[in-house]
PDB file of all heavy atoms in Angstrom:
ATOM      1  N   PRO A   1      57.165 164.411 147.499  1.00  0.00           N
ATOM      2  CA  PRO A   1      55.974 165.112 147.088  1.00  0.00           C
ATOM      3  C   PRO A   1      54.789 165.212 148.111  1.00  0.00           C
ATOM      4  O   PRO A   1      53.928 166.066 148.007  1.00  0.00           O
ATOM      5  CB  PRO A   1      55.507 164.427 145.819  1.00  0.00           C
ATOM      6  CG  PRO A   1      56.796 163.851 145.367  1.00  0.00           C
ATOM      7  CD  PRO A   1      57.573 163.446 146.545  1.00  0.00           C
ATOM      8  N   ALA A   2      54.734 164.217 148.941  1.00  0.00           N
ATOM      9  CA  ALA A   2      53.656 164.248 149.905  1.00  0.00           C
ATOM     10  C   ALA A   2      53.929 165.057 151.257  1.00  0.00           C
ATOM     11  O   ALA A   2      53.198 165.303 152.079  1.00  0.00           O
ATOM     12  CB  ALA A   2      53.413 162.717 150.514  1.00  0.00           C
ATOM     13  N   GLY A   3      55.201 165.568 151.205  1.00  0.00           N
ATOM     14  CA  GLY A   3      55.675 166.489 152.279  1.00  0.00           C
ATOM     15  C   GLY A   3      56.411 165.749 153.498  1.00  0.00           C
ATOM     16  O   GLY A   3      56.859 166.407 154.424  1.00  0.00           O
ATOM     17  N   ASN A   4      56.470 164.406 153.374  1.00  0.00           N
ATOM     18  CA  ASN A   4      57.209 163.715 154.301  1.00  0.00           C
ATOM     19  C   ASN A   4      58.702 163.765 153.997  1.00  0.00           C
ATOM     20  O   ASN A   4      59.067 164.130 152.887  1.00  0.00           O
ATOM     21  CB  ASN A   4      56.754 162.218 154.407  1.00  0.00           C
ATOM     22  CG  ASN A   4      56.891 161.492 153.060  1.00  0.00           C
ATOM     23  OD1 ASN A   4      56.415 162.098 152.023  1.00  0.00           O
ATOM     24  ND2 ASN A   4      57.289 160.288 153.010  1.00  0.00           N
ATOM     25  N   PHE A   5      59.592 163.360 154.885  1.00  0.00           N
ATOM     26  CA  PHE A   5      60.985 163.507 154.510  1.00  0.00           C
ATOM     27  C   PHE A   5      61.832 162.491 155.309  1.00  0.00           C
ATOM     28  O   PHE A   5      61.443 161.861 156.300  1.00  0.00           O
ATOM     29  CB  PHE A   5      61.499 164.920 154.911  1.00  0.00           C
ATOM     30  CG  PHE A   5      61.167 165.442 156.215  1.00  0.00           C
ATOM     31  CD1 PHE A   5      62.050 165.107 157.316  1.00  0.00           C
ATOM     32  CD2 PHE A   5      60.103 166.246 156.542  1.00  0.00           C
ATOM     33  CE1 PHE A   5      61.798 165.650 158.571  1.00  0.00           C
ATOM     34  CE2 PHE A   5      59.779 166.719 157.713  1.00  0.00           C
ATOM     35  CZ  PHE A   5      60.680 166.362 158.782  1.00  0.00           C
ATOM     36  N   ILE A   6      63.133 162.319 154.754  1.00  0.00           N
ATOM     37  CA  ILE A   6      64.103 161.437 155.458  1.00  0.00           C
ATOM     38  C   ILE A   6      65.331 162.372 155.738  1.00  0.00           C
ATOM     39  O   ILE A   6      65.459 163.438 155.061  1.00  0.00           O
ATOM     40  CB  ILE A   6      64.456 160.188 154.592  1.00  0.00           C
ATOM     41  CG1 ILE A   6      65.108 160.669 153.284  1.00  0.00           C
ATOM     42  CG2 ILE A   6      63.288 159.342 154.393  1.00  0.00           C
ATOM     43  CD1 ILE A   6      65.639 159.452 152.492  1.00  0.00           C
ATOM     44  N   GLU A   7      66.257 161.926 156.531  1.00  0.00           N
ATOM     45  CA  GLU A   7      67.404 162.659 156.981  1.00  0.00           C
ATOM     46  C   GLU A   7      68.594 161.891 156.584  1.00  0.00           C
ATOM     47  O   GLU A   7      68.628 160.656 156.780  1.00  0.00           O
ATOM     48  CB  GLU A   7      67.372 163.019 158.481  1.00  0.00           C
ATOM     49  CG  GLU A   7      68.475 163.901 158.827  1.00  0.00           C
ATOM     50  CD  GLU A   7      68.431 164.379 160.354  1.00  0.00           C
ATOM     51  OE1 GLU A   7      67.463 164.008 161.062  1.00  0.00           O
ATOM     52  OE2 GLU A   7      69.335 165.138 160.687  1.00  0.00           O
ATOM     53  N   CYS A   8      69.686 162.665 156.134  1.00  0.00           N
ATOM     54  CA  CYS A   8      70.953 162.088 155.793  1.00  0.00           C
ATOM     55  C   CYS A   8      71.578 161.498 157.147  1.00  0.00           C
ATOM     56  O   CYS A   8      71.366 162.084 158.279  1.00  0.00           O
ATOM     57  CB  CYS A   8      71.774 163.121 155.205  1.00  0.00           C
ATOM     58  SG  CYS A   8      73.367 162.632 154.574  1.00  0.00           S
ATOM     59  N   THR A   9      72.339 160.449 156.994  1.00  0.00           N
ATOM     60  CA  THR A   9      72.985 159.771 158.188  1.00  0.00           C
ATOM     61  C   THR A   9      74.515 159.671 157.937  1.00  0.00           C
ATOM     62  O   THR A   9      74.994 159.782 156.829  1.00  0.00           O
ATOM     63  CB  THR A   9      72.420 158.503 158.435  1.00  0.00           C
ATOM     64  OG1 THR A   9      72.772 157.541 157.342  1.00  0.00           O
ATOM     65  CG2 THR A   9      70.901 158.430 158.525  1.00  0.00           C
ATOM     66  N   ILE A  10      75.244 159.301 158.981  1.00  0.00           N
ATOM     67  CA  ILE A  10      76.723 159.111 158.928  1.00  0.00           C
ATOM     68  C   ILE A  10      76.915 157.923 157.846  1.00  0.00           C
ATOM     69  O   ILE A  10      77.924 157.967 157.167  1.00  0.00           O
ATOM     70  CB  ILE A  10      77.276 158.969 160.241  1.00  0.00           C
ATOM     71  CG1 ILE A  10      77.270 160.182 161.074  1.00  0.00           C
ATOM     72  CG2 ILE A  10      78.723 158.453 160.156  1.00  0.00           C
ATOM     73  CD1 ILE A  10      77.731 160.090 162.474  1.00  0.00           C
ATOM     74  N   ASP A  11      76.065 156.927 157.985  1.00  0.00           N
ATOM     75  CA  ASP A  11      76.259 155.698 157.206  1.00  0.00           C
ATOM     76  C   ASP A  11      76.175 155.944 155.693  1.00  0.00           C
ATOM     77  O   ASP A  11      76.899 155.426 154.859  1.00  0.00           O
ATOM     78  CB  ASP A  11      75.362 154.579 157.596  1.00  0.00           C
ATOM     79  CG  ASP A  11      75.535 154.145 158.996  1.00  0.00           C
ATOM     80  OD1 ASP A  11      76.728 154.122 159.350  1.00  0.00           O
ATOM     81  OD2 ASP A  11      74.542 153.841 159.685  1.00  0.00           O
ATOM     82  N   THR A  12      75.281 156.806 155.330  1.00  0.00           N
ATOM     83  CA  THR A  12      75.095 157.204 153.892  1.00  0.00           C
ATOM     84  C   THR A  12      75.065 158.777 153.886  1.00  0.00           C
ATOM     85  O   THR A  12      73.956 159.302 153.995  1.00  0.00           O
ATOM     86  CB  THR A  12      73.813 156.611 153.325  1.00  0.00           C
ATOM     87  OG1 THR A  12      73.803 155.271 153.448  1.00  0.00           O
ATOM     88  CG2 THR A  12      73.736 156.880 151.828  1.00  0.00           C
ATOM     89  N   PRO A  13      76.169 159.430 153.744  1.00  0.00           N
ATOM     90  CA  PRO A  13      76.317 160.844 153.967  1.00  0.00           C
ATOM     91  C   PRO A  13      75.818 161.740 152.759  1.00  0.00           C
ATOM     92  O   PRO A  13      76.394 162.795 152.565  1.00  0.00           O
ATOM     93  CB  PRO A  13      77.661 161.096 154.291  1.00  0.00           C
ATOM     94  CG  PRO A  13      78.447 160.003 153.562  1.00  0.00           C
ATOM     95  CD  PRO A  13      77.523 158.818 153.488  1.00  0.00           C
ATOM     96  N   TYR A  14      75.027 161.136 151.920  1.00  0.00           N
ATOM     97  CA  TYR A  14      74.590 162.033 150.747  1.00  0.00           C
ATOM     98  C   TYR A  14      73.092 161.685 150.378  1.00  0.00           C
ATOM     99  O   TYR A  14      72.638 160.573 150.739  1.00  0.00           O
ATOM    100  CB  TYR A  14      75.506 161.789 149.495  1.00  0.00           C
ATOM    101  CG  TYR A  14      75.349 160.341 148.947  1.00  0.00           C
ATOM    102  CD1 TYR A  14      74.315 160.179 148.015  1.00  0.00           C
ATOM    103  CD2 TYR A  14      76.321 159.361 149.299  1.00  0.00           C
ATOM    104  CE1 TYR A  14      74.280 158.876 147.366  1.00  0.00           C
ATOM    105  CE2 TYR A  14      76.182 158.134 148.840  1.00  0.00           C
ATOM    106  CZ  TYR A  14      75.221 157.889 147.831  1.00  0.00           C
ATOM    107  OH  TYR A  14      75.087 156.558 147.315  1.00  0.00           O
ATOM    108  N   LEU A  15      72.502 162.626 149.765  1.00  0.00           N
ATOM    109  CA  LEU A  15      71.126 162.387 149.243  1.00  0.00           C
ATOM    110  C   LEU A  15      71.086 162.995 147.891  1.00  0.00           C
ATOM    111  O   LEU A  15      71.690 164.037 147.571  1.00  0.00           O
ATOM    112  CB  LEU A  15      70.162 163.121 150.079  1.00  0.00           C
ATOM    113  CG  LEU A  15      69.943 162.544 151.531  1.00  0.00           C
ATOM    114  CD1 LEU A  15      69.080 163.445 152.447  1.00  0.00           C
ATOM    115  CD2 LEU A  15      69.327 161.155 151.498  1.00  0.00           C
ATOM    116  N   GLN A  16      70.196 162.477 146.987  1.00  0.00           N
ATOM    117  CA  GLN A  16      70.023 162.916 145.589  1.00  0.00           C
ATOM    118  C   GLN A  16      68.554 163.107 145.302  1.00  0.00           C
ATOM    119  O   GLN A  16      67.746 162.226 145.779  1.00  0.00           O
ATOM    120  CB  GLN A  16      70.710 161.927 144.631  1.00  0.00           C
ATOM    121  CG  GLN A  16      72.197 161.620 144.893  1.00  0.00           C
ATOM    122  CD  GLN A  16      72.562 160.354 144.105  1.00  0.00           C
ATOM    123  OE1 GLN A  16      72.230 159.236 144.516  1.00  0.00           O
ATOM    124  NE2 GLN A  16      73.184 160.478 142.984  1.00  0.00           N
ATOM    125  N   ILE A  17      68.274 163.958 144.298  1.00  0.00           N
ATOM    126  CA  ILE A  17      66.986 164.061 143.698  1.00  0.00           C
ATOM    127  C   ILE A  17      67.094 164.255 142.237  1.00  0.00           C
ATOM    128  O   ILE A  17      68.163 164.606 141.804  1.00  0.00           O
ATOM    129  CB  ILE A  17      66.079 165.163 144.367  1.00  0.00           C
ATOM    130  CG1 ILE A  17      66.787 166.550 144.313  1.00  0.00           C
ATOM    131  CG2 ILE A  17      65.731 164.858 145.800  1.00  0.00           C
ATOM    132  CD1 ILE A  17      65.930 167.658 144.735  1.00  0.00           C
ATOM    133  N   GLY A  18      66.007 163.992 141.417  1.00  0.00           N
ATOM    134  CA  GLY A  18      66.100 164.154 140.027  1.00  0.00           C
ATOM    135  C   GLY A  18      66.726 162.916 139.397  1.00  0.00           C
ATOM    136  O   GLY A  18      66.454 161.735 139.805  1.00  0.00           O
ATOM    137  N   GLU A  19      67.448 163.150 138.350  1.00  0.00           N
ATOM    138  CA  GLU A  19      68.135 162.057 137.572  1.00  0.00           C
ATOM    139  C   GLU A  19      69.376 161.606 138.341  1.00  0.00           C
ATOM    140  O   GLU A  19      70.462 161.931 137.985  1.00  0.00           O
ATOM    141  CB  GLU A  19      68.399 162.534 136.223  1.00  0.00           C
ATOM    142  CG  GLU A  19      68.936 161.541 135.221  1.00  0.00           C
ATOM    143  CD  GLU A  19      67.942 160.330 135.046  1.00  0.00           C
ATOM    144  OE1 GLU A  19      66.987 160.473 134.208  1.00  0.00           O
ATOM    145  OE2 GLU A  19      68.110 159.350 135.806  1.00  0.00           O
ATOM    146  N   HIS A  20      69.174 160.744 139.273  1.00  0.00           N
ATOM    147  CA  HIS A  20      70.218 160.390 140.306  1.00  0.00           C
ATOM    148  C   HIS A  20      71.039 159.107 139.889  1.00  0.00           C
ATOM    149  O   HIS A  20      72.172 158.991 140.464  1.00  0.00           O
ATOM    150  CB  HIS A  20      69.736 160.290 141.689  1.00  0.00           C
ATOM    151  CG  HIS A  20      68.662 159.166 141.822  1.00  0.00           C
ATOM    152  ND1 HIS A  20      67.394 159.327 141.594  1.00  0.00           N
ATOM    153  CD2 HIS A  20      68.840 157.828 142.102  1.00  0.00           C
ATOM    154  CE1 HIS A  20      66.676 158.155 141.748  1.00  0.00           C
ATOM    155  NE2 HIS A  20      67.631 157.325 142.016  1.00  0.00           N
ATOM    156  N   LYS A  21      70.497 158.304 139.077  1.00  0.00           N
ATOM    157  CA  LYS A  21      71.075 156.964 138.845  1.00  0.00           C
ATOM    158  C   LYS A  21      72.392 157.009 138.284  1.00  0.00           C
ATOM    159  O   LYS A  21      73.327 156.094 138.607  1.00  0.00           O
ATOM    160  CB  LYS A  21      70.233 156.056 138.107  1.00  0.00           C
ATOM    161  CG  LYS A  21      69.817 156.490 136.641  1.00  0.00           C
ATOM    162  CD  LYS A  21      68.849 155.514 136.006  1.00  0.00           C
ATOM    163  CE  LYS A  21      68.393 155.983 134.706  1.00  0.00           C
ATOM    164  NZ  LYS A  21      67.497 157.109 134.626  1.00  0.00           N
ATOM    165  N   TYR A  22      72.788 157.993 137.399  1.00  0.00           N
ATOM    166  CA  TYR A  22      74.148 157.889 136.751  1.00  0.00           C
ATOM    167  C   TYR A  22      75.207 158.424 137.685  1.00  0.00           C
ATOM    168  O   TYR A  22      76.330 157.979 137.527  1.00  0.00           O
ATOM    169  CB  TYR A  22      74.023 158.803 135.501  1.00  0.00           C
ATOM    170  CG  TYR A  22      73.018 158.299 134.443  1.00  0.00           C
ATOM    171  CD1 TYR A  22      71.882 159.033 134.205  1.00  0.00           C
ATOM    172  CD2 TYR A  22      73.207 157.073 133.776  1.00  0.00           C
ATOM    173  CE1 TYR A  22      70.902 158.611 133.228  1.00  0.00           C
ATOM    174  CE2 TYR A  22      72.250 156.648 132.824  1.00  0.00           C
ATOM    175  CZ  TYR A  22      71.119 157.405 132.670  1.00  0.00           C
ATOM    176  OH  TYR A  22      70.194 157.003 131.679  1.00  0.00           O
ATOM    177  N   GLY A  23      74.891 159.306 138.664  1.00  0.00           N
ATOM    178  CA  GLY A  23      75.917 159.857 139.509  1.00  0.00           C
ATOM    179  C   GLY A  23      76.039 159.071 140.753  1.00  0.00           C
ATOM    180  O   GLY A  23      77.002 159.257 141.417  1.00  0.00           O
ATOM    181  N   LYS A  24      75.064 158.223 141.048  1.00  0.00           N
ATOM    182  CA  LYS A  24      75.169 157.476 142.286  1.00  0.00           C
ATOM    183  C   LYS A  24      76.307 156.569 142.499  1.00  0.00           C
ATOM    184  O   LYS A  24      76.912 156.352 143.604  1.00  0.00           O
ATOM    185  CB  LYS A  24      73.795 156.715 142.495  1.00  0.00           C
ATOM    186  CG  LYS A  24      73.675 156.079 143.893  1.00  0.00           C
ATOM    187  CD  LYS A  24      72.316 155.423 144.043  1.00  0.00           C
ATOM    188  CE  LYS A  24      72.009 155.019 145.444  1.00  0.00           C
ATOM    189  NZ  LYS A  24      72.952 153.927 145.935  1.00  0.00           N
ATOM    190  N   PRO A  25      76.691 155.760 141.355  1.00  0.00           N
ATOM    191  CA  PRO A  25      77.902 154.855 141.613  1.00  0.00           C
ATOM    192  C   PRO A  25      79.189 155.543 142.060  1.00  0.00           C
ATOM    193  O   PRO A  25      79.931 154.996 142.863  1.00  0.00           O
ATOM    194  CB  PRO A  25      78.012 154.245 140.220  1.00  0.00           C
ATOM    195  CG  PRO A  25      76.672 154.204 139.658  1.00  0.00           C
ATOM    196  CD  PRO A  25      76.073 155.568 140.159  1.00  0.00           C
ATOM    197  N   VAL A  26      79.357 156.788 141.616  1.00  0.00           N
ATOM    198  CA  VAL A  26      80.566 157.579 141.979  1.00  0.00           C
ATOM    199  C   VAL A  26      80.544 157.769 143.500  1.00  0.00           C
ATOM    200  O   VAL A  26      81.480 157.612 144.244  1.00  0.00           O
ATOM    201  CB  VAL A  26      80.658 158.880 141.168  1.00  0.00           C
ATOM    202  CG1 VAL A  26      81.798 159.699 141.719  1.00  0.00           C
ATOM    203  CG2 VAL A  26      80.799 158.574 139.723  1.00  0.00           C
ATOM    204  N   LEU A  27      79.332 158.273 143.941  1.00  0.00           N
ATOM    205  CA  LEU A  27      79.170 158.596 145.344  1.00  0.00           C
ATOM    206  C   LEU A  27      79.226 157.266 146.251  1.00  0.00           C
ATOM    207  O   LEU A  27      79.914 157.275 147.308  1.00  0.00           O
ATOM    208  CB  LEU A  27      77.852 159.244 145.580  1.00  0.00           C
ATOM    209  CG  LEU A  27      77.640 160.627 144.852  1.00  0.00           C
ATOM    210  CD1 LEU A  27      76.171 161.101 145.015  1.00  0.00           C
ATOM    211  CD2 LEU A  27      78.622 161.625 145.382  1.00  0.00           C
ATOM    212  N   ASP A  28      78.697 156.267 145.763  1.00  0.00           N
ATOM    213  CA  ASP A  28      78.724 154.967 146.541  1.00  0.00           C
ATOM    214  C   ASP A  28      80.174 154.521 146.822  1.00  0.00           C
ATOM    215  O   ASP A  28      80.414 153.966 147.863  1.00  0.00           O
ATOM    216  CB  ASP A  28      77.989 153.861 145.764  1.00  0.00           C
ATOM    217  CG  ASP A  28      76.465 154.079 145.878  1.00  0.00           C
ATOM    218  OD1 ASP A  28      75.966 154.789 146.758  1.00  0.00           O
ATOM    219  OD2 ASP A  28      75.726 153.436 145.100  1.00  0.00           O
ATOM    220  N   ARG A  29      80.988 154.719 145.718  1.00  0.00           N
ATOM    221  CA  ARG A  29      82.368 154.171 145.883  1.00  0.00           C
ATOM    222  C   ARG A  29      83.327 155.108 146.626  1.00  0.00           C
ATOM    223  O   ARG A  29      84.244 154.696 147.306  1.00  0.00           O
ATOM    224  CB  ARG A  29      82.960 153.867 144.451  1.00  0.00           C
ATOM    225  CG  ARG A  29      82.313 152.757 143.771  1.00  0.00           C
ATOM    226  CD  ARG A  29      82.984 152.646 142.359  1.00  0.00           C
ATOM    227  NE  ARG A  29      82.347 151.481 141.596  1.00  0.00           N
ATOM    228  CZ  ARG A  29      82.709 150.232 141.816  1.00  0.00           C
ATOM    229  NH1 ARG A  29      83.687 149.901 142.593  1.00  0.00           N
ATOM    230  NH2 ARG A  29      82.094 149.308 141.061  1.00  0.00           N
ATOM    231  N   ALA A  30      83.055 156.409 146.555  1.00  0.00           N
ATOM    232  CA  ALA A  30      84.054 157.388 147.050  1.00  0.00           C
ATOM    233  C   ALA A  30      83.692 158.180 148.249  1.00  0.00           C
ATOM    234  O   ALA A  30      84.479 158.793 148.937  1.00  0.00           O
ATOM    235  CB  ALA A  30      84.395 158.298 145.901  1.00  0.00           C
ATOM    236  N   MET A  31      82.355 158.273 148.500  1.00  0.00           N
ATOM    237  CA  MET A  31      81.896 159.229 149.628  1.00  0.00           C
ATOM    238  C   MET A  31      81.765 158.494 150.947  1.00  0.00           C
ATOM    239  O   MET A  31      81.190 157.467 151.067  1.00  0.00           O
ATOM    240  CB  MET A  31      80.534 159.837 149.203  1.00  0.00           C
ATOM    241  CG  MET A  31      80.211 161.058 150.031  1.00  0.00           C
ATOM    242  SD  MET A  31      81.416 162.334 149.731  1.00  0.00           S
ATOM    243  CE  MET A  31      80.993 162.827 148.050  1.00  0.00           C
ATOM    244  N   HIS A  32      82.303 159.127 152.015  1.00  0.00           N
ATOM    245  CA  HIS A  32      82.131 158.715 153.358  1.00  0.00           C
ATOM    246  C   HIS A  32      82.199 159.879 154.271  1.00  0.00           C
ATOM    247  O   HIS A  32      82.604 160.990 153.839  1.00  0.00           O
ATOM    248  CB  HIS A  32      83.124 157.648 153.788  1.00  0.00           C
ATOM    249  CG  HIS A  32      84.531 158.058 153.654  1.00  0.00           C
ATOM    250  ND1 HIS A  32      85.190 158.749 154.676  1.00  0.00           N
ATOM    251  CD2 HIS A  32      85.399 157.844 152.663  1.00  0.00           C
ATOM    252  CE1 HIS A  32      86.392 158.894 154.346  1.00  0.00           C
ATOM    253  NE2 HIS A  32      86.533 158.299 153.088  1.00  0.00           N
ATOM    254  N   TYR A  33      81.690 159.742 155.503  1.00  0.00           N
ATOM    255  CA  TYR A  33      81.582 160.906 156.371  1.00  0.00           C
ATOM    256  C   TYR A  33      82.831 161.641 156.660  1.00  0.00           C
ATOM    257  O   TYR A  33      82.759 162.896 156.955  1.00  0.00           O
ATOM    258  CB  TYR A  33      80.934 160.363 157.674  1.00  0.00           C
ATOM    259  CG  TYR A  33      80.458 161.445 158.646  1.00  0.00           C
ATOM    260  CD1 TYR A  33      79.521 162.378 158.362  1.00  0.00           C
ATOM    261  CD2 TYR A  33      81.147 161.604 159.824  1.00  0.00           C
ATOM    262  CE1 TYR A  33      79.124 163.408 159.216  1.00  0.00           C
ATOM    263  CE2 TYR A  33      80.784 162.629 160.684  1.00  0.00           C
ATOM    264  CZ  TYR A  33      79.813 163.530 160.487  1.00  0.00           C
ATOM    265  OH  TYR A  33      79.428 164.522 161.265  1.00  0.00           O
ATOM    266  N   ASP A  34      83.978 161.072 156.651  1.00  0.00           N
ATOM    267  CA  ASP A  34      85.270 161.641 156.947  1.00  0.00           C
ATOM    268  C   ASP A  34      85.941 162.225 155.858  1.00  0.00           C
ATOM    269  O   ASP A  34      87.116 162.721 155.963  1.00  0.00           O
ATOM    270  CB  ASP A  34      86.100 160.684 157.675  1.00  0.00           C
ATOM    271  CG  ASP A  34      85.650 160.385 159.125  1.00  0.00           C
ATOM    272  OD1 ASP A  34      85.156 161.240 159.848  1.00  0.00           O
ATOM    273  OD2 ASP A  34      85.619 159.143 159.494  1.00  0.00           O
ATOM    274  N   VAL A  35      85.325 162.216 154.583  1.00  0.00           N
ATOM    275  CA  VAL A  35      85.995 162.914 153.460  1.00  0.00           C
ATOM    276  C   VAL A  35      86.165 164.457 153.673  1.00  0.00           C
ATOM    277  O   VAL A  35      85.252 165.016 154.291  1.00  0.00           O
ATOM    278  CB  VAL A  35      85.120 162.698 152.182  1.00  0.00           C
ATOM    279  CG1 VAL A  35      85.522 163.482 151.038  1.00  0.00           C
ATOM    280  CG2 VAL A  35      85.193 161.221 151.857  1.00  0.00           C
ATOM    281  N   GLU A  36      87.293 165.038 153.329  1.00  0.00           N
ATOM    282  CA  GLU A  36      87.518 166.489 153.510  1.00  0.00           C
ATOM    283  C   GLU A  36      86.483 167.188 152.631  1.00  0.00           C
ATOM    284  O   GLU A  36      86.050 166.744 151.670  1.00  0.00           O
ATOM    285  CB  GLU A  36      88.926 166.777 153.033  1.00  0.00           C
ATOM    286  CG  GLU A  36      89.418 168.173 153.449  1.00  0.00           C
ATOM    287  CD  GLU A  36      88.960 169.198 152.321  1.00  0.00           C
ATOM    288  OE1 GLU A  36      88.861 168.789 151.228  1.00  0.00           O
ATOM    289  OE2 GLU A  36      88.787 170.395 152.701  1.00  0.00           O
ATOM    290  N   LEU A  37      86.141 168.349 153.079  1.00  0.00           N
ATOM    291  CA  LEU A  37      84.893 169.041 152.490  1.00  0.00           C
ATOM    292  C   LEU A  37      85.064 169.330 151.044  1.00  0.00           C
ATOM    293  O   LEU A  37      84.172 169.048 150.270  1.00  0.00           O
ATOM    294  CB  LEU A  37      84.768 170.396 153.251  1.00  0.00           C
ATOM    295  CG  LEU A  37      83.506 171.198 152.991  1.00  0.00           C
ATOM    296  CD1 LEU A  37      82.194 170.347 153.308  1.00  0.00           C
ATOM    297  CD2 LEU A  37      83.441 172.408 153.910  1.00  0.00           C
TER     298      LEU A  37
END
């Protein structure tokens, strides 16, 4: 909201906004940079 920002990295290849807490465990366990698109 202040206009500052962060960038996605290879180590954590996803970003979320809004009601993110319920969907985050799925991404934490399954997502990595070499996953097929």
